């Protein structure tokens, strides 16, 4: 499965006349947050690939105007084309009024609330977040630190890949690394845009439909 991951800054290549050509061959689009709703809605007009998103820390506007034609996976486990996607949007709290900001304890509680659903589904294949793991692709300033609780979540369920945003490619400059590793699990920074193939996992079980919300294109969500 060919996946296009997006986050933080719209791609000029995608938000323009050549969008359809650029999306050719893409099977699934994942948005890791902090992108204009109109941008994601625009992409739905040029591809049959489902678009699944989580909100970033700057996406309070999604509450009033969410991306049209896209599936929100925030605090959910969704199945798209047989792939189980666990979504955890938002960043570490760095100011008191952020809607999509969480303390480490709050994010841990969100994960705990999803554990029963994850078990029912037999695990998940993709962890889609806005923030990175603490110490893996994050930064030292409070605004861009990752969550420590993401690491144990990956260790427990061993998904095929984690996709996140929040840390822009421009922040790290020439030192930017698109793909890192957490105990053998690829951790991909989706900054602007990046295409990859869904990795195979040797112990991947057949996805179940129990407790999962599935994307149905013919029902217009």
N, C-alpha and C. Protein backbone atom coordinates (compact mmCIF):
# COMPACT_ATOMS: atom_id res chain seq x y z
N UNK A 1 0.84 -1.20 0.00
CA UNK A 1 0.00 0.00 0.00
C UNK A 1 0.87 1.25 0.00
N UNK A 2 0.61 2.13 -0.95
CA UNK A 2 1.36 3.38 -1.05
C UNK A 2 0.65 4.45 -0.22
N UNK A 3 1.39 5.06 0.71
CA UNK A 3 0.82 6.04 1.64
C UNK A 3 1.48 7.39 1.44
N UNK A 4 0.68 8.43 1.43
CA UNK A 4 1.18 9.81 1.41
C UNK A 4 0.90 10.42 2.77
N UNK A 5 1.96 10.80 3.46
CA UNK A 5 1.84 11.43 4.78
C UNK A 5 2.05 12.94 4.64
N UNK A 6 1.23 13.71 5.35
CA UNK A 6 1.27 15.17 5.28
C UNK A 6 1.26 15.74 6.68
N UNK A 7 1.86 16.93 6.85
CA UNK A 7 1.71 17.66 8.10
C UNK A 7 2.26 19.07 7.99
N UNK A 8 1.71 19.95 8.79
CA UNK A 8 2.25 21.26 9.17
C UNK A 8 2.27 22.34 8.10
N UNK A 9 2.72 22.05 6.90
CA UNK A 9 2.78 23.06 5.84
C UNK A 9 2.26 22.46 4.53
N UNK A 10 1.32 23.13 3.87
CA UNK A 10 0.83 22.60 2.59
C UNK A 10 1.95 22.50 1.55
N UNK A 11 1.90 21.46 0.77
CA UNK A 11 2.87 21.28 -0.30
C UNK A 11 2.43 22.05 -1.54
N UNK A 12 3.30 22.86 -2.07
CA UNK A 12 2.99 23.60 -3.30
C UNK A 12 2.73 22.65 -4.46
N UNK A 13 3.36 21.51 -4.42
CA UNK A 13 3.18 20.52 -5.49
C UNK A 13 1.77 19.94 -5.46
N UNK A 14 1.18 19.85 -4.27
CA UNK A 14 -0.14 19.25 -4.14
C UNK A 14 -1.26 20.27 -4.20
N UNK A 15 -1.00 21.48 -3.76
CA UNK A 15 -2.05 22.50 -3.74
C UNK A 15 -1.94 23.35 -5.00
N UNK A 16 -2.23 22.71 -6.13
CA UNK A 16 -2.10 23.40 -7.40
C UNK A 16 -2.63 22.56 -8.55
N UNK A 17 -2.34 22.97 -9.76
CA UNK A 17 -2.88 22.34 -10.96
C UNK A 17 -2.37 20.93 -11.18
N UNK A 18 -1.20 20.60 -10.64
CA UNK A 18 -0.63 19.28 -10.86
C UNK A 18 -0.99 18.30 -9.75
N UNK A 19 -1.98 18.64 -8.95
CA UNK A 19 -2.35 17.82 -7.81
C UNK A 19 -2.72 16.39 -8.22
N UNK A 20 -3.57 16.25 -9.23
CA UNK A 20 -4.02 14.92 -9.64
C UNK A 20 -2.85 14.04 -10.06
N UNK A 21 -1.92 14.62 -10.80
CA UNK A 21 -0.74 13.87 -11.22
C UNK A 21 0.12 13.47 -10.02
N UNK A 22 0.27 14.40 -9.07
CA UNK A 22 1.10 14.14 -7.89
C UNK A 22 0.50 13.05 -7.01
N UNK A 23 -0.81 12.91 -7.02
CA UNK A 23 -1.48 11.92 -6.18
C UNK A 23 -1.66 10.57 -6.88
N UNK A 24 -1.23 10.47 -8.10
CA UNK A 24 -1.36 9.22 -8.84
C UNK A 24 -0.61 8.09 -8.13
N UNK A 25 -1.28 6.97 -7.93
CA UNK A 25 -0.64 5.82 -7.31
C UNK A 25 -0.73 5.79 -5.80
N UNK A 26 -1.26 6.84 -5.18
CA UNK A 26 -1.39 6.89 -3.73
C UNK A 26 -2.67 6.15 -3.31
N UNK A 27 -2.55 5.25 -2.34
CA UNK A 27 -3.69 4.46 -1.87
C UNK A 27 -4.34 5.02 -0.62
N UNK A 28 -3.58 5.74 0.18
CA UNK A 28 -4.06 6.26 1.45
C UNK A 28 -3.30 7.53 1.79
N UNK A 29 -4.01 8.55 2.29
CA UNK A 29 -3.39 9.80 2.70
C UNK A 29 -3.60 9.97 4.20
N UNK A 30 -2.50 10.25 4.91
CA UNK A 30 -2.54 10.48 6.35
C UNK A 30 -2.10 11.90 6.64
N UNK A 31 -2.93 12.66 7.35
CA UNK A 31 -2.56 14.00 7.78
C UNK A 31 -2.25 13.99 9.27
N UNK A 32 -1.04 14.40 9.62
CA UNK A 32 -0.60 14.40 11.01
C UNK A 32 -0.80 15.76 11.68
N UNK A 33 -1.64 16.62 11.09
CA UNK A 33 -2.05 17.82 11.80
C UNK A 33 -1.41 19.11 11.36
N UNK A 34 -2.05 20.22 11.82
CA UNK A 34 -1.63 21.59 11.54
C UNK A 34 -1.64 21.92 10.06
N UNK A 35 -2.70 21.46 9.39
CA UNK A 35 -2.90 21.79 7.98
C UNK A 35 -4.27 22.43 7.81
N UNK A 36 -4.42 23.40 6.90
CA UNK A 36 -5.72 24.03 6.68
C UNK A 36 -6.76 22.99 6.25
N UNK A 37 -7.96 23.12 6.81
CA UNK A 37 -9.04 22.21 6.44
C UNK A 37 -9.33 22.29 4.94
N UNK A 38 -9.23 23.48 4.37
CA UNK A 38 -9.51 23.66 2.94
C UNK A 38 -8.49 22.91 2.08
N UNK A 39 -7.29 22.79 2.58
CA UNK A 39 -6.24 22.06 1.85
C UNK A 39 -6.59 20.58 1.77
N UNK A 40 -6.96 19.98 2.90
CA UNK A 40 -7.32 18.56 2.90
C UNK A 40 -8.58 18.33 2.07
N UNK A 41 -9.54 19.23 2.19
CA UNK A 41 -10.77 19.09 1.39
C UNK A 41 -10.48 19.21 -0.10
N UNK A 42 -9.54 20.08 -0.46
CA UNK A 42 -9.13 20.24 -1.85
C UNK A 42 -8.57 18.93 -2.40
N UNK A 43 -7.78 18.24 -1.60
CA UNK A 43 -7.17 17.00 -2.06
C UNK A 43 -8.20 15.93 -2.36
N UNK A 44 -9.33 15.93 -1.64
CA UNK A 44 -10.35 14.90 -1.89
C UNK A 44 -10.94 15.00 -3.29
N UNK A 45 -10.80 16.15 -3.91
CA UNK A 45 -11.36 16.35 -5.26
C UNK A 45 -10.49 15.73 -6.35
N UNK A 46 -9.27 15.33 -6.00
CA UNK A 46 -8.32 14.88 -7.02
C UNK A 46 -7.80 13.47 -6.79
N UNK A 47 -8.42 12.75 -5.87
CA UNK A 47 -7.97 11.39 -5.60
C UNK A 47 -9.12 10.57 -5.04
N UNK A 48 -9.05 9.26 -5.27
CA UNK A 48 -9.98 8.34 -4.63
C UNK A 48 -9.40 7.77 -3.34
N UNK A 49 -8.17 8.14 -3.01
CA UNK A 49 -7.54 7.65 -1.79
C UNK A 49 -8.22 8.26 -0.57
N UNK A 50 -8.58 7.46 0.41
CA UNK A 50 -9.15 8.02 1.64
C UNK A 50 -8.14 8.93 2.34
N UNK A 51 -8.64 9.96 3.00
CA UNK A 51 -7.80 10.87 3.77
C UNK A 51 -8.18 10.75 5.24
N UNK A 52 -7.24 10.35 6.06
CA UNK A 52 -7.44 10.18 7.50
C UNK A 52 -6.56 11.20 8.21
N UNK A 53 -7.13 11.88 9.21
CA UNK A 53 -6.36 12.94 9.86
C UNK A 53 -6.51 12.93 11.37
N UNK A 54 -5.52 13.52 12.04
CA UNK A 54 -5.62 13.90 13.44
C UNK A 54 -5.31 15.40 13.52
N UNK A 55 -5.86 16.10 14.51
CA UNK A 55 -5.60 17.53 14.62
C UNK A 55 -4.23 17.81 15.25
N UNK A 56 -3.65 18.92 14.84
CA UNK A 56 -2.44 19.40 15.48
C UNK A 56 -2.78 20.42 16.56
N UNK A 57 -1.77 20.95 17.20
CA UNK A 57 -2.02 21.90 18.29
C UNK A 57 -2.57 23.23 17.80
N UNK A 58 -2.49 23.51 16.50
CA UNK A 58 -3.03 24.75 15.95
C UNK A 58 -4.36 24.55 15.22
N UNK A 59 -4.99 23.40 15.42
CA UNK A 59 -6.18 23.07 14.63
C UNK A 59 -7.50 23.27 15.39
N UNK A 60 -7.54 24.24 16.29
CA UNK A 60 -8.79 24.53 17.01
C UNK A 60 -9.92 24.84 16.03
N UNK A 61 -9.57 25.40 14.88
CA UNK A 61 -10.59 25.76 13.88
C UNK A 61 -11.31 24.54 13.32
N UNK A 62 -10.74 23.35 13.46
CA UNK A 62 -11.40 22.14 12.99
C UNK A 62 -12.72 21.91 13.73
N UNK A 63 -12.85 22.45 14.94
CA UNK A 63 -14.07 22.24 15.72
C UNK A 63 -15.28 22.84 15.01
N UNK A 64 -15.08 23.95 14.30
CA UNK A 64 -16.16 24.60 13.57
C UNK A 64 -16.19 24.23 12.11
N UNK A 65 -15.02 24.06 11.52
CA UNK A 65 -14.93 23.74 10.10
C UNK A 65 -13.94 22.61 9.87
N UNK A 66 -14.36 21.37 10.10
CA UNK A 66 -13.46 20.24 9.86
C UNK A 66 -13.24 20.01 8.38
N UNK A 67 -12.19 19.32 8.01
CA UNK A 67 -11.94 19.00 6.60
C UNK A 67 -13.09 18.16 6.03
N UNK A 68 -13.65 18.59 4.93
CA UNK A 68 -14.78 17.88 4.33
C UNK A 68 -14.29 16.65 3.57
N UNK A 69 -15.04 15.58 3.69
CA UNK A 69 -14.72 14.36 2.95
C UNK A 69 -13.58 13.57 3.53
N UNK A 70 -13.14 13.91 4.74
CA UNK A 70 -12.01 13.23 5.39
C UNK A 70 -12.48 12.57 6.68
N UNK A 71 -11.73 11.60 7.15
CA UNK A 71 -12.08 10.85 8.35
C UNK A 71 -11.16 11.25 9.50
N UNK A 72 -11.76 11.71 10.60
CA UNK A 72 -10.98 12.06 11.79
C UNK A 72 -10.72 10.80 12.60
N UNK A 73 -9.46 10.55 12.92
CA UNK A 73 -9.08 9.37 13.71
C UNK A 73 -8.64 9.75 15.12
N UNK A 74 -8.88 10.98 15.53
CA UNK A 74 -8.39 11.44 16.84
C UNK A 74 -9.08 10.69 17.97
N UNK A 75 -8.29 10.07 18.83
CA UNK A 75 -8.78 9.26 19.96
C UNK A 75 -9.68 8.12 19.48
N UNK A 76 -9.37 7.59 18.29
CA UNK A 76 -10.17 6.51 17.71
C UNK A 76 -9.24 5.46 17.10
N UNK A 77 -9.82 4.32 16.87
CA UNK A 77 -9.17 3.28 16.08
C UNK A 77 -10.06 3.05 14.88
N UNK A 78 -9.58 3.38 13.69
CA UNK A 78 -10.38 3.28 12.48
C UNK A 78 -9.74 2.28 11.53
N UNK A 79 -10.56 1.68 10.69
CA UNK A 79 -10.05 0.77 9.68
C UNK A 79 -10.33 1.34 8.29
N UNK A 80 -9.29 1.46 7.50
CA UNK A 80 -9.41 1.97 6.14
C UNK A 80 -8.67 1.01 5.21
N UNK A 81 -9.39 0.44 4.25
CA UNK A 81 -8.80 -0.51 3.31
C UNK A 81 -8.09 -1.66 4.03
N UNK A 82 -8.69 -2.13 5.13
CA UNK A 82 -8.12 -3.23 5.88
C UNK A 82 -6.97 -2.87 6.79
N UNK A 83 -6.62 -1.58 6.87
CA UNK A 83 -5.51 -1.13 7.71
C UNK A 83 -6.07 -0.44 8.95
N UNK A 84 -5.59 -0.85 10.12
CA UNK A 84 -6.05 -0.29 11.38
C UNK A 84 -5.17 0.90 11.76
N UNK A 85 -5.81 2.04 11.96
CA UNK A 85 -5.09 3.28 12.25
C UNK A 85 -5.54 3.80 13.60
N UNK A 86 -4.59 3.97 14.50
CA UNK A 86 -4.87 4.55 15.82
C UNK A 86 -4.43 6.00 15.79
N UNK A 87 -5.34 6.92 16.12
CA UNK A 87 -5.05 8.34 16.03
C UNK A 87 -4.99 9.02 17.38
N UNK A 88 -3.95 9.81 17.60
CA UNK A 88 -3.79 10.59 18.83
C UNK A 88 -3.23 11.97 18.44
N UNK A 89 -4.13 12.92 18.23
CA UNK A 89 -3.70 14.25 17.83
C UNK A 89 -3.25 15.10 19.00
N UNK A 90 -2.80 16.30 18.69
CA UNK A 90 -2.42 17.27 19.71
C UNK A 90 -0.95 17.20 20.10
N UNK A 91 -0.55 18.20 20.88
CA UNK A 91 0.83 18.31 21.32
C UNK A 91 0.91 18.39 22.83
N UNK A 92 2.12 18.41 23.35
CA UNK A 92 2.33 18.65 24.78
C UNK A 92 1.83 20.05 25.12
N UNK A 93 1.16 20.17 26.26
CA UNK A 93 0.59 21.45 26.65
C UNK A 93 1.70 22.46 26.98
N UNK A 94 1.66 23.59 26.29
CA UNK A 94 2.61 24.66 26.58
C UNK A 94 1.92 25.99 26.88
N UNK A 95 0.58 25.97 26.84
CA UNK A 95 -0.20 27.10 27.33
C UNK A 95 -1.54 26.56 27.82
N UNK A 96 -2.23 27.27 28.72
CA UNK A 96 -3.40 26.70 29.38
C UNK A 96 -4.65 26.59 28.51
N UNK A 97 -4.74 27.34 27.40
CA UNK A 97 -5.98 27.42 26.66
C UNK A 97 -6.00 26.62 25.36
N UNK A 98 -5.03 25.81 25.11
CA UNK A 98 -4.99 25.04 23.86
C UNK A 98 -5.97 23.87 23.89
N UNK A 99 -6.87 23.81 22.91
CA UNK A 99 -7.85 22.72 22.84
C UNK A 99 -7.16 21.38 22.60
N UNK A 100 -6.23 21.37 21.67
CA UNK A 100 -5.53 20.14 21.33
C UNK A 100 -4.13 20.12 21.93
N UNK A 101 -4.08 20.32 23.23
CA UNK A 101 -2.84 20.24 23.99
C UNK A 101 -3.08 19.40 25.23
N UNK A 102 -2.09 18.60 25.61
CA UNK A 102 -2.27 17.65 26.69
C UNK A 102 -1.00 17.55 27.52
N UNK A 103 -1.17 17.33 28.81
CA UNK A 103 -0.03 16.98 29.64
C UNK A 103 0.34 15.53 29.37
N UNK A 104 1.48 15.11 29.86
CA UNK A 104 1.88 13.71 29.70
C UNK A 104 0.84 12.78 30.33
N UNK A 105 0.32 13.13 31.49
CA UNK A 105 -0.69 12.31 32.15
C UNK A 105 -1.98 12.25 31.34
N UNK A 106 -2.37 13.38 30.78
CA UNK A 106 -3.60 13.41 29.98
C UNK A 106 -3.47 12.53 28.75
N UNK A 107 -2.33 12.57 28.09
CA UNK A 107 -2.15 11.71 26.91
C UNK A 107 -2.13 10.24 27.32
N UNK A 108 -1.53 9.94 28.46
CA UNK A 108 -1.52 8.56 28.96
C UNK A 108 -2.93 8.07 29.22
N UNK A 109 -3.79 8.94 29.74
CA UNK A 109 -5.18 8.55 29.99
C UNK A 109 -5.93 8.30 28.67
N UNK A 110 -5.62 9.09 27.66
CA UNK A 110 -6.25 8.87 26.35
C UNK A 110 -5.89 7.49 25.81
N UNK A 111 -4.63 7.12 25.97
CA UNK A 111 -4.17 5.81 25.52
C UNK A 111 -4.86 4.70 26.30
N UNK A 112 -4.95 4.87 27.62
CA UNK A 112 -5.59 3.86 28.47
C UNK A 112 -7.05 3.66 28.07
N UNK A 113 -7.72 4.75 27.71
CA UNK A 113 -9.13 4.67 27.32
C UNK A 113 -9.33 3.89 26.02
N UNK A 114 -8.28 3.78 25.21
CA UNK A 114 -8.37 3.09 23.92
C UNK A 114 -7.92 1.63 23.99
N UNK A 115 -7.36 1.21 25.11
CA UNK A 115 -6.75 -0.12 25.18
C UNK A 115 -7.75 -1.25 24.93
N UNK A 116 -8.95 -1.12 25.45
CA UNK A 116 -9.93 -2.18 25.24
C UNK A 116 -10.28 -2.31 23.77
N UNK A 117 -10.43 -1.19 23.11
CA UNK A 117 -10.75 -1.22 21.68
C UNK A 117 -9.59 -1.79 20.87
N UNK A 118 -8.37 -1.44 21.26
CA UNK A 118 -7.20 -1.97 20.55
C UNK A 118 -7.15 -3.49 20.70
N UNK A 119 -7.38 -3.97 21.91
CA UNK A 119 -7.37 -5.43 22.13
C UNK A 119 -8.44 -6.12 21.30
N UNK A 120 -9.62 -5.52 21.24
CA UNK A 120 -10.72 -6.11 20.47
C UNK A 120 -10.38 -6.21 18.99
N UNK A 121 -9.61 -5.23 18.51
CA UNK A 121 -9.23 -5.21 17.09
C UNK A 121 -7.99 -6.04 16.81
N UNK A 122 -7.37 -6.59 17.83
CA UNK A 122 -6.16 -7.37 17.63
C UNK A 122 -4.93 -6.53 17.39
N UNK A 123 -4.97 -5.26 17.84
CA UNK A 123 -3.84 -4.35 17.64
C UNK A 123 -4.15 -3.30 16.59
N UNK A 124 -3.11 -2.63 16.14
CA UNK A 124 -3.25 -1.63 15.08
C UNK A 124 -2.01 -1.65 14.21
N UNK A 125 -2.13 -1.13 13.01
CA UNK A 125 -1.04 -1.18 12.03
C UNK A 125 -0.27 0.13 11.93
N UNK A 126 -0.98 1.24 12.14
CA UNK A 126 -0.35 2.57 12.04
C UNK A 126 -0.72 3.39 13.26
N UNK A 127 0.26 3.99 13.90
CA UNK A 127 0.00 5.00 14.92
C UNK A 127 0.17 6.36 14.26
N UNK A 128 -0.92 7.12 14.20
CA UNK A 128 -0.92 8.44 13.59
C UNK A 128 -1.06 9.48 14.68
N UNK A 129 -0.05 10.31 14.86
CA UNK A 129 -0.05 11.33 15.91
C UNK A 129 0.37 12.67 15.31
N UNK A 130 0.18 13.72 16.09
CA UNK A 130 0.77 15.00 15.70
C UNK A 130 2.16 15.13 16.30
N UNK A 131 2.25 14.89 17.60
CA UNK A 131 3.53 15.03 18.29
C UNK A 131 4.38 13.76 18.13
N UNK A 132 5.69 13.90 18.20
CA UNK A 132 6.57 12.72 18.15
C UNK A 132 6.71 12.06 19.51
N UNK A 133 7.54 11.03 19.57
CA UNK A 133 7.91 10.40 20.83
C UNK A 133 8.97 11.26 21.51
N UNK A 134 8.93 11.34 22.81
CA UNK A 134 9.97 12.07 23.53
C UNK A 134 11.33 11.42 23.26
N UNK A 135 12.25 12.22 22.74
CA UNK A 135 13.60 11.74 22.47
C UNK A 135 13.79 11.12 21.10
N UNK A 136 12.72 11.05 20.30
CA UNK A 136 12.83 10.47 18.95
C UNK A 136 12.22 11.45 17.96
N UNK A 137 13.04 12.38 17.49
CA UNK A 137 12.59 13.34 16.49
C UNK A 137 11.92 14.57 17.06
N UNK A 138 11.92 14.72 18.39
CA UNK A 138 11.35 15.93 18.98
C UNK A 138 12.45 16.94 19.24
N UNK A 139 12.12 18.04 19.93
CA UNK A 139 13.10 19.05 20.28
C UNK A 139 13.01 19.37 21.75
N UNK A 140 13.97 20.12 22.27
CA UNK A 140 14.06 20.34 23.71
C UNK A 140 13.12 21.42 24.23
N UNK A 141 12.72 22.37 23.38
CA UNK A 141 11.80 23.40 23.86
C UNK A 141 10.44 22.78 24.17
N UNK A 142 9.73 23.34 25.15
CA UNK A 142 8.48 22.76 25.62
C UNK A 142 7.47 22.59 24.50
N UNK A 143 7.42 23.55 23.57
CA UNK A 143 6.43 23.51 22.49
C UNK A 143 6.58 22.28 21.61
N UNK A 144 7.79 21.79 21.46
CA UNK A 144 8.04 20.73 20.48
C UNK A 144 8.59 19.45 21.09
N UNK A 145 8.39 19.28 22.39
CA UNK A 145 8.74 18.01 23.02
C UNK A 145 7.70 16.96 22.67
N UNK A 146 8.14 15.72 22.62
CA UNK A 146 7.22 14.62 22.36
C UNK A 146 6.67 14.03 23.64
N UNK A 147 5.86 12.98 23.48
CA UNK A 147 5.24 12.30 24.61
C UNK A 147 5.97 11.00 24.93
N UNK A 148 6.34 10.82 26.18
CA UNK A 148 7.02 9.59 26.59
C UNK A 148 6.11 8.38 26.45
N UNK A 149 4.81 8.56 26.65
CA UNK A 149 3.89 7.42 26.65
C UNK A 149 3.71 6.78 25.28
N UNK A 150 4.12 7.44 24.21
CA UNK A 150 4.02 6.83 22.89
C UNK A 150 4.96 5.64 22.75
N UNK A 151 6.12 5.70 23.39
CA UNK A 151 7.09 4.60 23.29
C UNK A 151 6.55 3.29 23.83
N UNK A 152 6.05 3.26 25.07
CA UNK A 152 5.46 2.01 25.59
C UNK A 152 4.27 1.52 24.78
N UNK A 153 3.50 2.44 24.19
CA UNK A 153 2.38 2.03 23.34
C UNK A 153 2.89 1.25 22.14
N UNK A 154 3.95 1.72 21.51
CA UNK A 154 4.54 1.00 20.38
C UNK A 154 5.11 -0.34 20.82
N UNK A 155 5.78 -0.36 21.97
CA UNK A 155 6.36 -1.62 22.47
C UNK A 155 5.29 -2.66 22.76
N UNK A 156 4.14 -2.20 23.23
CA UNK A 156 3.07 -3.12 23.59
C UNK A 156 2.42 -3.77 22.37
N UNK A 157 2.21 -2.98 21.29
CA UNK A 157 1.41 -3.46 20.18
C UNK A 157 2.18 -3.67 18.89
N UNK A 158 3.40 -3.19 18.79
CA UNK A 158 4.26 -3.43 17.63
C UNK A 158 3.58 -3.17 16.28
N UNK A 159 3.11 -1.95 16.03
CA UNK A 159 2.52 -1.64 14.73
C UNK A 159 3.58 -1.62 13.64
N UNK A 160 3.14 -1.49 12.40
CA UNK A 160 4.07 -1.47 11.28
C UNK A 160 4.84 -0.16 11.21
N UNK A 161 4.20 0.94 11.61
CA UNK A 161 4.85 2.24 11.45
C UNK A 161 4.14 3.28 12.33
N UNK A 162 4.87 4.32 12.71
CA UNK A 162 4.30 5.50 13.36
C UNK A 162 4.54 6.70 12.46
N UNK A 163 3.51 7.53 12.31
CA UNK A 163 3.61 8.75 11.51
C UNK A 163 3.24 9.94 12.40
N UNK A 164 4.09 10.97 12.40
CA UNK A 164 3.83 12.15 13.21
C UNK A 164 4.19 13.41 12.43
N UNK A 165 3.89 14.55 13.01
CA UNK A 165 4.26 15.84 12.44
C UNK A 165 4.89 16.71 13.50
N UNK A 166 4.45 17.98 13.57
CA UNK A 166 4.77 18.93 14.63
C UNK A 166 6.17 19.54 14.52
N UNK A 167 7.18 18.75 14.23
CA UNK A 167 8.55 19.27 14.09
C UNK A 167 8.82 19.47 12.60
N UNK A 168 8.79 20.72 12.18
CA UNK A 168 8.94 21.03 10.76
C UNK A 168 10.35 20.69 10.27
N UNK A 169 10.42 20.34 9.01
CA UNK A 169 11.72 20.05 8.40
C UNK A 169 12.65 21.24 8.49
N UNK A 170 12.09 22.44 8.39
CA UNK A 170 12.93 23.65 8.42
C UNK A 170 13.55 23.89 9.79
N UNK A 171 12.95 23.32 10.85
CA UNK A 171 13.50 23.53 12.19
C UNK A 171 14.89 22.92 12.33
N UNK A 172 15.07 21.75 11.73
CA UNK A 172 16.33 21.03 11.87
C UNK A 172 17.31 21.31 10.74
N UNK A 173 16.82 21.90 9.64
CA UNK A 173 17.70 22.22 8.53
C UNK A 173 18.36 20.97 7.96
N UNK A 174 19.66 21.03 7.69
CA UNK A 174 20.36 19.88 7.09
C UNK A 174 20.43 18.67 8.01
N UNK A 175 20.14 18.87 9.30
CA UNK A 175 20.19 17.75 10.24
C UNK A 175 18.87 16.98 10.31
N UNK A 176 17.89 17.43 9.55
CA UNK A 176 16.57 16.79 9.57
C UNK A 176 16.67 15.34 9.11
N UNK A 177 16.01 14.46 9.88
CA UNK A 177 15.95 13.04 9.51
C UNK A 177 14.49 12.66 9.35
N UNK A 178 14.16 12.24 8.16
CA UNK A 178 12.77 11.92 7.83
C UNK A 178 12.29 10.69 8.57
N UNK A 179 13.13 9.69 8.68
CA UNK A 179 12.73 8.42 9.29
C UNK A 179 13.69 8.02 10.39
N UNK A 180 13.14 7.78 11.57
CA UNK A 180 13.91 7.30 12.71
C UNK A 180 13.40 5.92 13.09
N UNK A 181 13.82 5.41 14.23
CA UNK A 181 13.49 4.04 14.60
C UNK A 181 13.20 3.96 16.09
N UNK A 182 12.15 3.22 16.42
CA UNK A 182 11.86 2.90 17.82
C UNK A 182 11.76 1.39 17.95
N UNK A 183 12.81 0.78 18.45
CA UNK A 183 12.85 -0.67 18.66
C UNK A 183 12.38 -1.45 17.43
N UNK A 184 12.89 -1.05 16.27
CA UNK A 184 12.58 -1.74 15.03
C UNK A 184 11.35 -1.23 14.31
N UNK A 185 10.64 -0.27 14.88
CA UNK A 185 9.44 0.30 14.26
C UNK A 185 9.81 1.62 13.59
N UNK A 186 9.59 1.78 12.30
CA UNK A 186 9.89 3.06 11.64
C UNK A 186 9.02 4.18 12.22
N UNK A 187 9.66 5.31 12.48
CA UNK A 187 8.96 6.51 12.96
C UNK A 187 9.19 7.60 11.94
N UNK A 188 8.13 8.00 11.24
CA UNK A 188 8.24 8.89 10.08
C UNK A 188 7.70 10.27 10.42
N UNK A 189 8.50 11.28 10.14
CA UNK A 189 8.07 12.68 10.25
C UNK A 189 7.46 13.08 8.91
N UNK A 190 6.17 13.43 8.94
CA UNK A 190 5.43 13.71 7.71
C UNK A 190 5.59 15.14 7.22
N UNK A 191 6.47 15.91 7.82
CA UNK A 191 6.60 17.34 7.52
C UNK A 191 6.42 17.66 6.04
N UNK A 192 5.45 18.50 5.74
CA UNK A 192 5.00 18.89 4.40
C UNK A 192 4.41 17.70 3.66
N UNK A 193 5.25 16.80 3.12
CA UNK A 193 4.71 15.60 2.46
C UNK A 193 5.80 14.56 2.29
N UNK A 194 5.38 13.30 2.35
CA UNK A 194 6.33 12.20 2.20
C UNK A 194 5.57 10.93 1.82
N UNK A 195 6.01 10.25 0.78
CA UNK A 195 5.40 9.00 0.35
C UNK A 195 6.23 7.81 0.81
N UNK A 196 5.53 6.76 1.23
CA UNK A 196 6.22 5.53 1.63
C UNK A 196 5.25 4.37 1.46
N UNK A 197 5.80 3.17 1.45
CA UNK A 197 5.00 1.96 1.38
C UNK A 197 4.81 1.39 2.78
N UNK A 198 3.60 0.96 3.08
CA UNK A 198 3.31 0.41 4.40
C UNK A 198 4.20 -0.80 4.65
N UNK A 199 5.03 -0.75 5.69
CA UNK A 199 5.93 -1.89 5.95
C UNK A 199 5.14 -3.13 6.36
N UNK A 200 5.70 -4.28 6.03
CA UNK A 200 5.11 -5.54 6.48
C UNK A 200 5.62 -5.84 7.89
N UNK A 201 4.77 -6.47 8.69
CA UNK A 201 5.18 -6.93 10.01
C UNK A 201 4.97 -8.44 10.06
N UNK A 202 5.97 -9.20 10.50
CA UNK A 202 5.87 -10.66 10.45
C UNK A 202 4.73 -11.22 11.29
N UNK A 203 4.33 -10.52 12.37
CA UNK A 203 3.30 -11.05 13.26
C UNK A 203 1.96 -10.34 13.06
N UNK A 204 1.80 -9.68 11.90
CA UNK A 204 0.57 -8.94 11.66
C UNK A 204 -0.62 -9.88 11.55
N UNK A 205 -1.64 -9.63 12.39
CA UNK A 205 -2.83 -10.46 12.38
C UNK A 205 -3.85 -9.89 11.40
N UNK A 206 -4.77 -10.75 10.98
CA UNK A 206 -5.85 -10.30 10.12
C UNK A 206 -6.71 -9.29 10.88
N UNK A 207 -6.92 -8.08 10.33
CA UNK A 207 -7.72 -7.09 11.05
C UNK A 207 -9.14 -7.59 11.30
N UNK A 208 -9.65 -7.25 12.49
CA UNK A 208 -11.04 -7.55 12.79
C UNK A 208 -11.84 -6.27 12.68
N UNK A 209 -13.15 -6.38 12.62
CA UNK A 209 -14.00 -5.21 12.51
C UNK A 209 -14.62 -4.81 13.84
N UNK A 210 -14.33 -5.55 14.88
CA UNK A 210 -14.95 -5.28 16.16
C UNK A 210 -14.47 -3.93 16.72
N UNK A 211 -15.42 -3.05 17.01
CA UNK A 211 -15.08 -1.77 17.62
C UNK A 211 -14.44 -0.77 16.70
N UNK A 212 -14.43 -1.03 15.39
CA UNK A 212 -13.76 -0.13 14.46
C UNK A 212 -14.77 0.65 13.65
N UNK A 213 -14.44 1.91 13.40
CA UNK A 213 -15.24 2.71 12.48
C UNK A 213 -14.57 2.63 11.12
N UNK A 214 -15.32 2.22 10.11
CA UNK A 214 -14.75 2.07 8.78
C UNK A 214 -15.15 3.23 7.88
N UNK A 215 -14.26 3.59 7.01
CA UNK A 215 -14.52 4.66 6.05
C UNK A 215 -15.28 4.09 4.86
N UNK A 216 -16.44 4.66 4.58
CA UNK A 216 -17.25 4.22 3.45
C UNK A 216 -17.39 5.38 2.49
N UNK A 217 -16.70 5.30 1.38
CA UNK A 217 -16.71 6.40 0.43
C UNK A 217 -18.11 6.64 -0.14
N UNK A 218 -18.89 5.54 -0.30
CA UNK A 218 -20.19 5.70 -0.93
C UNK A 218 -21.22 6.34 0.00
N UNK A 219 -20.90 6.46 1.31
CA UNK A 219 -21.84 7.08 2.23
C UNK A 219 -21.48 8.52 2.53
N UNK A 220 -20.41 9.03 1.86
CA UNK A 220 -19.95 10.41 2.05
C UNK A 220 -19.66 10.73 3.50
N UNK A 221 -19.17 9.73 4.22
CA UNK A 221 -18.83 9.86 5.63
C UNK A 221 -20.05 10.25 6.45
